N, C-alpha and C. Protein backbone atom coordinates (compact mmCIF):
# COMPACT_ATOMS: atom_id res chain seq x y z
N UNK A 1 0.80 -1.18 0.01
CA UNK A 1 0.02 0.04 0.01
C UNK A 1 0.81 1.28 0.00
N UNK A 2 0.49 2.15 -0.78
CA UNK A 2 1.27 3.38 -1.00
C UNK A 2 0.83 4.47 -0.02
N UNK A 3 1.70 5.22 0.56
CA UNK A 3 1.41 6.35 1.44
C UNK A 3 1.04 7.58 0.60
N UNK A 4 -0.08 8.20 1.11
CA UNK A 4 -0.48 9.46 0.32
C UNK A 4 0.69 10.49 0.46
N UNK A 5 0.83 11.13 -0.67
CA UNK A 5 1.88 12.18 -0.62
C UNK A 5 1.29 13.50 -0.14
N UNK A 6 2.11 14.22 0.51
CA UNK A 6 1.72 15.50 0.96
C UNK A 6 1.89 16.58 -0.21
N UNK A 7 0.82 17.46 -0.27
CA UNK A 7 0.97 18.52 -1.23
C UNK A 7 1.91 19.54 -0.75
N UNK A 8 2.81 20.02 -1.42
CA UNK A 8 3.66 21.07 -1.00
C UNK A 8 3.48 22.38 -1.71
N UNK A 9 3.33 23.33 -0.82
CA UNK A 9 3.10 24.74 -1.31
C UNK A 9 4.30 25.52 -1.16
N UNK A 10 4.51 26.42 -2.05
CA UNK A 10 5.59 27.35 -1.86
C UNK A 10 5.22 28.45 -0.81
N UNK A 11 6.13 29.06 -0.23
CA UNK A 11 5.83 30.06 0.82
C UNK A 11 4.97 31.21 0.22
N UNK A 12 5.23 31.56 -1.07
CA UNK A 12 4.41 32.61 -1.72
C UNK A 12 2.96 32.17 -1.86
N UNK A 13 2.74 30.95 -2.16
CA UNK A 13 1.36 30.40 -2.35
C UNK A 13 0.61 30.41 -0.97
N UNK A 14 1.36 30.00 0.11
CA UNK A 14 0.82 29.99 1.34
C UNK A 14 0.37 31.46 1.81
N UNK A 15 1.19 32.41 1.60
CA UNK A 15 0.95 33.77 1.89
C UNK A 15 -0.40 34.21 1.13
N UNK A 16 -0.36 33.84 -0.17
CA UNK A 16 -1.58 34.30 -1.01
C UNK A 16 -2.87 33.72 -0.40
N UNK A 17 -2.73 32.33 -0.01
CA UNK A 17 -4.01 31.74 0.45
C UNK A 17 -4.38 32.35 1.76
N UNK A 18 -3.39 32.64 2.65
CA UNK A 18 -3.74 33.30 3.95
C UNK A 18 -4.32 34.72 3.71
N UNK A 19 -3.82 35.40 2.79
CA UNK A 19 -4.42 36.73 2.52
C UNK A 19 -5.91 36.63 2.10
N UNK A 20 -6.22 35.64 1.16
CA UNK A 20 -7.51 35.45 0.65
C UNK A 20 -8.47 35.11 1.82
N UNK A 21 -7.94 34.23 2.69
CA UNK A 21 -8.79 33.83 3.89
C UNK A 21 -9.10 35.02 4.79
N UNK A 22 -7.99 35.79 5.00
CA UNK A 22 -8.22 36.91 5.93
C UNK A 22 -9.15 38.03 5.31
N UNK A 23 -8.94 38.35 4.02
CA UNK A 23 -9.79 39.33 3.42
C UNK A 23 -11.29 38.79 3.36
N UNK A 24 -11.46 37.55 3.12
CA UNK A 24 -12.78 36.93 3.11
C UNK A 24 -13.44 37.01 4.37
N UNK A 25 -12.65 36.82 5.47
CA UNK A 25 -13.22 36.91 6.91
C UNK A 25 -13.60 38.25 7.26
N UNK A 26 -12.94 39.28 6.76
CA UNK A 26 -13.26 40.69 7.03
C UNK A 26 -14.53 41.00 6.39
N UNK A 27 -14.84 40.61 5.10
CA UNK A 27 -15.96 40.95 4.39
C UNK A 27 -17.07 39.98 4.52
N UNK A 28 -16.85 38.92 5.25
CA UNK A 28 -17.90 37.85 5.40
C UNK A 28 -18.94 38.36 6.46
N UNK A 29 -20.16 37.90 6.27
CA UNK A 29 -21.25 38.26 7.26
C UNK A 29 -21.03 37.43 8.48
N UNK A 30 -21.11 38.17 9.64
CA UNK A 30 -20.86 37.56 10.87
C UNK A 30 -22.06 36.81 11.43
N UNK A 31 -23.18 37.18 10.92
CA UNK A 31 -24.43 36.48 11.32
C UNK A 31 -25.60 37.12 10.57
N UNK A 32 -26.84 36.77 10.92
CA UNK A 32 -28.03 37.16 10.25
C UNK A 32 -28.78 38.36 10.92
N UNK A 33 -28.20 38.72 12.02
CA UNK A 33 -28.87 39.77 12.89
C UNK A 33 -29.02 41.12 12.00
N UNK A 34 -28.03 41.44 11.40
CA UNK A 34 -28.06 42.71 10.54
C UNK A 34 -29.07 42.65 9.36
N UNK A 35 -29.25 41.44 8.88
CA UNK A 35 -30.20 41.32 7.79
C UNK A 35 -31.64 41.19 8.25
N UNK A 36 -31.88 40.73 9.49
CA UNK A 36 -33.23 40.55 9.94
C UNK A 36 -33.95 41.87 9.99
N UNK A 37 -33.32 42.94 10.45
CA UNK A 37 -34.02 44.21 10.44
C UNK A 37 -34.27 44.78 9.06
N UNK A 38 -33.40 44.58 8.22
CA UNK A 38 -33.52 45.16 6.85
C UNK A 38 -34.57 44.27 6.13
N UNK A 39 -34.59 42.96 6.34
CA UNK A 39 -35.56 42.13 5.74
C UNK A 39 -37.00 42.42 6.27
N UNK A 40 -37.04 42.67 7.55
CA UNK A 40 -38.35 43.04 8.10
C UNK A 40 -38.89 44.28 7.62
N UNK A 41 -38.04 45.28 7.45
CA UNK A 41 -38.33 46.57 6.90
C UNK A 41 -38.90 46.48 5.54
N UNK A 42 -38.14 45.64 4.70
CA UNK A 42 -38.53 45.40 3.35
C UNK A 42 -39.94 44.68 3.20
N UNK A 43 -40.20 43.79 4.12
CA UNK A 43 -41.45 43.09 3.96
C UNK A 43 -42.60 44.10 4.46
N UNK A 44 -42.31 44.81 5.47
CA UNK A 44 -43.34 45.93 5.85
C UNK A 44 -43.72 46.81 4.77
N UNK A 45 -42.65 47.29 4.07
CA UNK A 45 -42.91 48.21 2.85
C UNK A 45 -43.73 47.48 1.81
N UNK A 46 -43.44 46.23 1.47
CA UNK A 46 -44.12 45.41 0.55
C UNK A 46 -45.62 45.25 0.93
N UNK A 47 -45.82 44.92 2.19
CA UNK A 47 -47.19 44.77 2.75
C UNK A 47 -48.00 46.00 2.62
N UNK A 48 -47.30 47.12 2.81
CA UNK A 48 -48.09 48.42 2.86
C UNK A 48 -48.41 48.69 1.46
N UNK A 49 -47.49 48.51 0.56
CA UNK A 49 -47.82 48.86 -0.89
C UNK A 49 -48.90 48.03 -1.45
N UNK A 50 -48.87 46.70 -1.07
CA UNK A 50 -49.89 45.80 -1.69
C UNK A 50 -51.25 46.01 -1.06
N UNK A 51 -51.36 46.49 0.17
CA UNK A 51 -52.65 46.64 0.77
C UNK A 51 -53.28 48.02 0.61
N UNK A 52 -52.42 49.09 0.23
CA UNK A 52 -52.86 50.42 0.02
C UNK A 52 -53.41 50.49 -1.45
N UNK A 53 -54.64 50.95 -1.71
CA UNK A 53 -55.12 51.12 -3.00
C UNK A 53 -54.36 52.21 -3.77
N UNK A 54 -54.18 52.07 -4.99
CA UNK A 54 -53.49 53.06 -5.82
C UNK A 54 -54.46 54.26 -6.00
N UNK A 55 -53.76 55.46 -5.87
CA UNK A 55 -54.53 56.71 -5.99
C UNK A 55 -54.65 57.01 -7.46
N UNK A 56 -55.71 57.55 -7.90
CA UNK A 56 -55.97 57.89 -9.35
C UNK A 56 -56.12 59.33 -9.49
N UNK A 57 -55.18 60.11 -8.97
CA UNK A 57 -55.29 61.48 -9.07
C UNK A 57 -55.08 62.13 -10.36
N UNK A 58 -55.89 63.10 -10.63
CA UNK A 58 -55.66 63.88 -11.91
C UNK A 58 -56.30 63.26 -13.10
N UNK A 59 -56.29 62.03 -13.31
CA UNK A 59 -56.80 61.38 -14.55
C UNK A 59 -58.28 61.51 -14.66
N UNK A 60 -58.84 61.76 -15.94
CA UNK A 60 -60.25 61.79 -16.07
C UNK A 60 -60.69 60.50 -16.77
N UNK A 61 -61.64 59.87 -16.02
CA UNK A 61 -62.11 58.56 -16.59
C UNK A 61 -63.43 58.73 -17.33
N UNK A 62 -63.65 57.89 -18.40
CA UNK A 62 -64.89 57.78 -19.02
C UNK A 62 -65.82 56.97 -18.14
N UNK A 63 -67.15 57.12 -18.47
CA UNK A 63 -68.17 56.48 -17.62
C UNK A 63 -68.01 54.86 -17.61
N UNK A 64 -67.54 54.33 -18.72
CA UNK A 64 -67.49 52.85 -18.74
C UNK A 64 -66.15 52.27 -17.95
N UNK A 65 -65.32 53.22 -17.68
CA UNK A 65 -64.02 52.76 -17.02
C UNK A 65 -64.05 52.86 -15.47
N UNK A 66 -65.10 53.30 -14.85
CA UNK A 66 -65.15 53.45 -13.43
C UNK A 66 -66.09 52.30 -12.91
N UNK A 67 -65.80 52.00 -11.57
CA UNK A 67 -66.66 50.92 -10.94
C UNK A 67 -68.12 51.51 -10.66
N UNK A 68 -68.14 52.83 -10.15
CA UNK A 68 -69.45 53.40 -9.86
C UNK A 68 -69.42 54.82 -10.43
N UNK A 69 -70.38 55.15 -11.27
CA UNK A 69 -70.56 56.40 -11.93
C UNK A 69 -70.81 57.47 -10.96
N UNK A 70 -70.51 58.71 -11.32
CA UNK A 70 -70.79 59.89 -10.54
C UNK A 70 -72.44 60.04 -10.53
N UNK A 71 -72.97 60.51 -9.48
CA UNK A 71 -74.34 60.72 -9.35
C UNK A 71 -74.73 62.08 -8.86
N UNK A 72 -75.76 62.65 -9.52
CA UNK A 72 -76.34 63.92 -9.09
C UNK A 72 -77.34 63.66 -7.98
N UNK A 73 -77.44 64.49 -6.92
CA UNK A 73 -78.47 64.23 -5.93
C UNK A 73 -79.88 64.35 -6.53
N UNK A 74 -80.68 63.28 -6.51
CA UNK A 74 -81.96 63.24 -7.07
C UNK A 74 -82.01 62.62 -8.46
N UNK A 75 -80.82 62.25 -8.98
CA UNK A 75 -80.79 61.54 -10.31
C UNK A 75 -80.85 62.54 -11.37
N UNK A 76 -81.00 62.01 -12.65
CA UNK A 76 -80.99 62.69 -13.91
C UNK A 76 -82.19 63.78 -14.02
N UNK A 77 -83.33 63.46 -13.46
CA UNK A 77 -84.45 64.28 -13.50
C UNK A 77 -84.20 65.56 -12.68
N UNK A 78 -83.64 65.41 -11.44
CA UNK A 78 -83.23 66.62 -10.69
C UNK A 78 -82.25 67.47 -11.44
N UNK A 79 -81.28 66.84 -12.14
CA UNK A 79 -80.28 67.58 -12.81
C UNK A 79 -80.93 68.42 -13.93
N UNK A 80 -81.86 67.81 -14.76
CA UNK A 80 -82.54 68.57 -15.81
C UNK A 80 -83.39 69.65 -15.24
N UNK A 81 -84.14 69.34 -14.06
CA UNK A 81 -84.92 70.36 -13.49
C UNK A 81 -84.07 71.63 -13.10
N UNK A 82 -82.91 71.31 -12.52
CA UNK A 82 -82.00 72.39 -12.08
C UNK A 82 -81.53 73.20 -13.28
N UNK A 83 -81.12 72.55 -14.34
CA UNK A 83 -80.53 73.24 -15.51
C UNK A 83 -81.65 74.15 -16.23
N UNK A 84 -82.91 73.71 -16.12
CA UNK A 84 -84.03 74.47 -16.75
C UNK A 84 -84.68 75.43 -15.84
N UNK A 85 -84.16 75.51 -14.54
CA UNK A 85 -84.86 76.47 -13.61
C UNK A 85 -84.43 77.97 -13.92
N UNK A 86 -85.42 78.71 -14.34
CA UNK A 86 -85.08 80.09 -14.75
C UNK A 86 -84.70 80.96 -13.61
N UNK A 87 -85.13 80.73 -12.41
CA UNK A 87 -84.81 81.61 -11.31
C UNK A 87 -83.39 81.61 -10.84
N UNK A 88 -82.66 80.61 -11.20
CA UNK A 88 -81.26 80.56 -10.74
C UNK A 88 -80.36 81.46 -11.48
N UNK A 89 -80.57 81.72 -12.67
CA UNK A 89 -79.68 82.55 -13.47
C UNK A 89 -80.42 83.64 -14.10
N UNK A 90 -81.57 84.06 -13.69
CA UNK A 90 -82.26 85.09 -14.19
C UNK A 90 -83.21 84.64 -15.31
N UNK A 91 -83.99 85.62 -15.82
CA UNK A 91 -84.93 85.32 -16.77
C UNK A 91 -84.17 84.99 -18.13
N UNK A 92 -84.74 84.08 -18.87
CA UNK A 92 -84.09 83.79 -20.10
C UNK A 92 -84.07 84.93 -21.05
N UNK A 93 -83.00 85.12 -21.78
CA UNK A 93 -83.00 86.30 -22.73
C UNK A 93 -83.97 86.14 -23.86
N UNK A 94 -84.20 87.29 -24.48
CA UNK A 94 -85.14 87.29 -25.66
C UNK A 94 -84.54 86.39 -26.75
N UNK A 95 -85.47 85.66 -27.52
CA UNK A 95 -85.02 84.72 -28.43
C UNK A 95 -85.38 85.14 -29.86
N UNK A 96 -85.00 86.37 -30.28
CA UNK A 96 -85.42 86.77 -31.62
C UNK A 96 -84.78 85.89 -32.65
N UNK A 97 -83.63 85.36 -32.39
CA UNK A 97 -82.99 84.51 -33.45
C UNK A 97 -83.26 83.01 -33.28
N UNK A 98 -83.93 82.64 -32.24
CA UNK A 98 -84.17 81.15 -31.92
C UNK A 98 -85.70 80.86 -32.02
N UNK A 99 -86.05 79.78 -32.64
CA UNK A 99 -87.43 79.45 -32.83
C UNK A 99 -87.60 77.99 -32.53
N UNK A 100 -88.78 77.54 -32.09
CA UNK A 100 -89.04 76.10 -31.88
C UNK A 100 -88.30 75.55 -30.65
N UNK A 101 -87.59 74.44 -30.82
CA UNK A 101 -86.91 73.88 -29.64
C UNK A 101 -85.44 73.98 -29.88
N UNK A 102 -84.73 74.06 -28.84
CA UNK A 102 -83.17 74.11 -28.92
C UNK A 102 -82.65 73.06 -27.92
N UNK A 103 -81.84 72.25 -28.49
CA UNK A 103 -81.26 71.18 -27.68
C UNK A 103 -79.67 71.51 -27.56
N UNK A 104 -79.29 71.52 -26.27
CA UNK A 104 -77.82 71.77 -26.02
C UNK A 104 -77.25 70.54 -25.34
N UNK A 105 -76.22 70.04 -25.91
CA UNK A 105 -75.53 68.90 -25.38
C UNK A 105 -74.15 69.38 -24.93
N UNK A 106 -73.72 68.89 -23.73
CA UNK A 106 -72.43 69.34 -23.27
C UNK A 106 -71.76 68.27 -22.48
N UNK A 107 -70.44 68.20 -22.43
CA UNK A 107 -69.68 67.35 -21.56
C UNK A 107 -69.16 68.20 -20.41
N UNK A 108 -68.91 67.47 -19.36
CA UNK A 108 -68.32 68.12 -18.19
C UNK A 108 -67.60 67.11 -17.36
N UNK A 109 -66.80 67.51 -16.36
CA UNK A 109 -66.06 66.63 -15.48
C UNK A 109 -66.60 66.77 -14.10
N UNK A 110 -66.89 65.62 -13.52
CA UNK A 110 -67.23 65.61 -12.06
C UNK A 110 -65.96 65.33 -11.28
N UNK A 111 -65.46 66.22 -10.46
CA UNK A 111 -64.29 66.04 -9.78
C UNK A 111 -64.38 65.21 -8.53
N UNK A 112 -63.27 64.85 -7.88
CA UNK A 112 -63.34 63.97 -6.75
C UNK A 112 -63.98 64.56 -5.59
N UNK A 113 -64.07 65.86 -5.49
CA UNK A 113 -64.83 66.62 -4.41
C UNK A 113 -66.27 66.77 -4.79
N UNK A 114 -66.79 66.31 -5.94
CA UNK A 114 -68.14 66.46 -6.35
C UNK A 114 -68.44 67.74 -7.15
N UNK A 115 -67.46 68.60 -7.37
CA UNK A 115 -67.73 69.80 -8.07
C UNK A 115 -67.63 69.51 -9.57
N UNK A 116 -68.05 70.42 -10.41
CA UNK A 116 -68.18 70.28 -11.82
C UNK A 116 -67.20 71.26 -12.52
N UNK A 117 -66.48 70.75 -13.52
CA UNK A 117 -65.51 71.63 -14.16
C UNK A 117 -65.36 71.23 -15.72
N UNK A 118 -64.63 71.89 -16.40
CA UNK A 118 -64.28 71.52 -17.88
C UNK A 118 -65.58 71.42 -18.73
N UNK A 119 -66.39 72.36 -18.70
CA UNK A 119 -67.59 72.27 -19.51
C UNK A 119 -67.35 72.51 -20.96
N UNK A 120 -67.81 71.56 -21.85
CA UNK A 120 -67.55 71.82 -23.36
C UNK A 120 -68.91 71.52 -24.02
N UNK A 121 -69.41 72.46 -24.75
CA UNK A 121 -70.58 72.32 -25.52
C UNK A 121 -70.29 71.67 -26.85
N UNK A 122 -71.06 70.42 -27.03
CA UNK A 122 -70.92 69.63 -28.21
C UNK A 122 -71.91 70.08 -29.30
N UNK A 123 -73.10 70.33 -28.75
CA UNK A 123 -74.22 70.77 -29.67
C UNK A 123 -74.68 72.08 -29.06
N UNK A 124 -74.40 73.25 -29.73
CA UNK A 124 -74.73 74.50 -29.14
C UNK A 124 -76.15 74.91 -28.94
N UNK A 125 -76.97 74.44 -29.95
CA UNK A 125 -78.37 74.77 -29.83
C UNK A 125 -78.38 76.34 -30.15
N UNK A 126 -79.33 77.05 -29.46
CA UNK A 126 -79.48 78.50 -29.61
C UNK A 126 -78.33 79.17 -28.81
N UNK A 127 -77.45 79.94 -29.53
CA UNK A 127 -76.21 80.52 -28.87
C UNK A 127 -76.64 81.48 -27.78
N UNK A 128 -77.81 82.05 -27.81
CA UNK A 128 -78.18 82.99 -26.75
C UNK A 128 -78.42 82.30 -25.36
N UNK A 129 -78.73 80.93 -25.48
CA UNK A 129 -78.92 80.21 -24.21
C UNK A 129 -77.60 79.70 -23.50
N UNK A 130 -76.57 79.66 -24.28
CA UNK A 130 -75.21 79.15 -23.68
C UNK A 130 -74.91 79.79 -22.36
N UNK A 131 -74.89 81.19 -22.28
CA UNK A 131 -74.48 81.76 -20.98
C UNK A 131 -75.45 81.27 -19.78
N UNK A 132 -76.77 81.08 -20.16
CA UNK A 132 -77.69 80.72 -19.06
C UNK A 132 -77.37 79.26 -18.65
N UNK A 133 -77.03 78.39 -19.66
CA UNK A 133 -76.72 76.98 -19.26
C UNK A 133 -75.31 76.89 -18.51
N UNK A 134 -74.41 77.77 -18.82
CA UNK A 134 -73.10 77.78 -18.08
C UNK A 134 -73.37 78.26 -16.65
N UNK A 135 -74.23 79.19 -16.52
CA UNK A 135 -74.52 79.74 -15.14
C UNK A 135 -75.19 78.68 -14.34
N UNK A 136 -76.11 77.95 -14.93
CA UNK A 136 -76.90 76.84 -14.25
C UNK A 136 -75.95 75.79 -13.85
N UNK A 137 -74.94 75.43 -14.74
CA UNK A 137 -73.97 74.33 -14.34
C UNK A 137 -73.12 74.84 -13.17
N UNK A 138 -72.73 76.03 -13.19
CA UNK A 138 -71.83 76.54 -12.14
C UNK A 138 -72.56 76.42 -10.70
N UNK A 139 -73.91 76.49 -10.81
CA UNK A 139 -74.67 76.47 -9.57
C UNK A 139 -75.17 75.00 -9.18
N UNK A 140 -74.73 74.00 -9.86
CA UNK A 140 -75.10 72.62 -9.51
C UNK A 140 -74.72 72.32 -8.10
N UNK A 141 -75.56 71.48 -7.54
CA UNK A 141 -75.30 70.85 -6.19
C UNK A 141 -74.08 69.92 -6.36
N UNK A 142 -73.48 69.66 -5.22
CA UNK A 142 -72.29 68.73 -5.17
C UNK A 142 -72.76 67.31 -5.57
N UNK A 143 -72.03 66.71 -6.54
CA UNK A 143 -72.29 65.32 -6.98
C UNK A 143 -71.64 64.36 -5.97
N UNK A 144 -72.08 63.17 -6.03
CA UNK A 144 -71.31 62.06 -5.51
C UNK A 144 -70.37 61.58 -6.53
N UNK A 145 -69.01 61.69 -6.16
CA UNK A 145 -68.03 61.37 -7.24
C UNK A 145 -68.00 59.95 -7.65
N UNK A 146 -67.46 59.72 -8.86
CA UNK A 146 -67.36 58.40 -9.37
C UNK A 146 -66.27 57.68 -8.54
N UNK A 147 -66.26 56.29 -8.56
CA UNK A 147 -65.32 55.56 -7.79
C UNK A 147 -64.64 54.50 -8.61
N UNK A 148 -63.35 54.31 -8.46
CA UNK A 148 -62.61 53.25 -8.95
C UNK A 148 -61.69 52.65 -7.88
N UNK A 149 -61.82 51.36 -7.75
CA UNK A 149 -61.13 50.65 -6.64
C UNK A 149 -61.43 51.23 -5.24
N UNK A 150 -62.65 51.66 -5.12
CA UNK A 150 -63.14 52.23 -3.78
C UNK A 150 -62.65 53.61 -3.50
N UNK A 151 -62.03 54.30 -4.47
CA UNK A 151 -61.43 55.63 -4.25
C UNK A 151 -62.23 56.64 -5.26
N UNK A 152 -62.51 57.88 -4.82
CA UNK A 152 -63.09 58.81 -5.73
C UNK A 152 -62.17 59.22 -6.83
N UNK A 153 -62.73 59.26 -8.15
CA UNK A 153 -61.97 59.68 -9.24
C UNK A 153 -62.79 60.64 -10.05
N UNK A 154 -62.04 61.45 -10.92
CA UNK A 154 -62.65 62.38 -11.79
C UNK A 154 -63.24 61.59 -12.95
N UNK A 155 -64.61 62.03 -13.41
CA UNK A 155 -65.25 61.30 -14.45
C UNK A 155 -65.89 62.28 -15.46
N UNK A 156 -65.68 61.97 -16.71
CA UNK A 156 -66.32 62.75 -17.75
C UNK A 156 -67.79 62.33 -17.92
N UNK A 157 -68.68 63.31 -17.96
CA UNK A 157 -70.15 62.94 -18.15
C UNK A 157 -70.68 63.86 -19.19
N UNK A 158 -71.90 63.49 -19.62
CA UNK A 158 -72.54 64.22 -20.72
C UNK A 158 -74.02 64.46 -20.35
N UNK A 159 -74.58 65.59 -20.73
CA UNK A 159 -75.99 65.87 -20.46
C UNK A 159 -76.52 66.66 -21.63
N UNK A 160 -77.78 66.54 -21.78
CA UNK A 160 -78.51 67.36 -22.90
C UNK A 160 -79.64 68.06 -22.20
N UNK A 161 -79.90 69.24 -22.66
CA UNK A 161 -81.05 70.03 -22.12
C UNK A 161 -81.89 70.57 -23.36
N UNK A 162 -83.11 70.41 -23.39
CA UNK A 162 -83.97 70.83 -24.48
C UNK A 162 -84.91 71.97 -23.92
N UNK A 163 -84.70 73.13 -24.63
CA UNK A 163 -85.52 74.30 -24.37
C UNK A 163 -86.60 74.43 -25.42
N UNK A 164 -87.78 74.65 -24.96
CA UNK A 164 -88.95 74.96 -25.85
C UNK A 164 -89.07 76.48 -25.97
N UNK A 165 -88.85 77.01 -27.15
CA UNK A 165 -88.69 78.46 -27.36
C UNK A 165 -89.95 79.12 -28.04
N UNK A 166 -91.06 78.41 -27.89
CA UNK A 166 -92.21 78.92 -28.53
C UNK A 166 -93.02 79.89 -27.67
């Protein structure tokens, strides 16, 4: 039976190996205590982000893209009654240029606080009536805002008002 031979290293090789071991020991992790706190903090951050609903600030959603549409107190009939109420914005102006019926269609945004903004007329109808309708829109009651993921969001809505000018 043959004796195993010993591996012989040169003194330079031994110094290099010792240096590597010493440097490794300095940079090696001495335990998991330091990581525990960092790991726990990371987990808490992840838990908070996954349980907090995303805010939808600023963006304007179409009616079909929200979970719950904006609602006017009393519904659509109350909205139309308010827009046609002459006492709110004074007496309707004289309609020398308008005859018959005039239908005005407009888009607007219901904001997260229930206020209305960004009114755009799509079908003007009688141009004399436009200031009256703008005044009536400014005086609308506070809406219940639309919701997405349980949070209030801005929503674009559309309404039409028909005036009988006979």
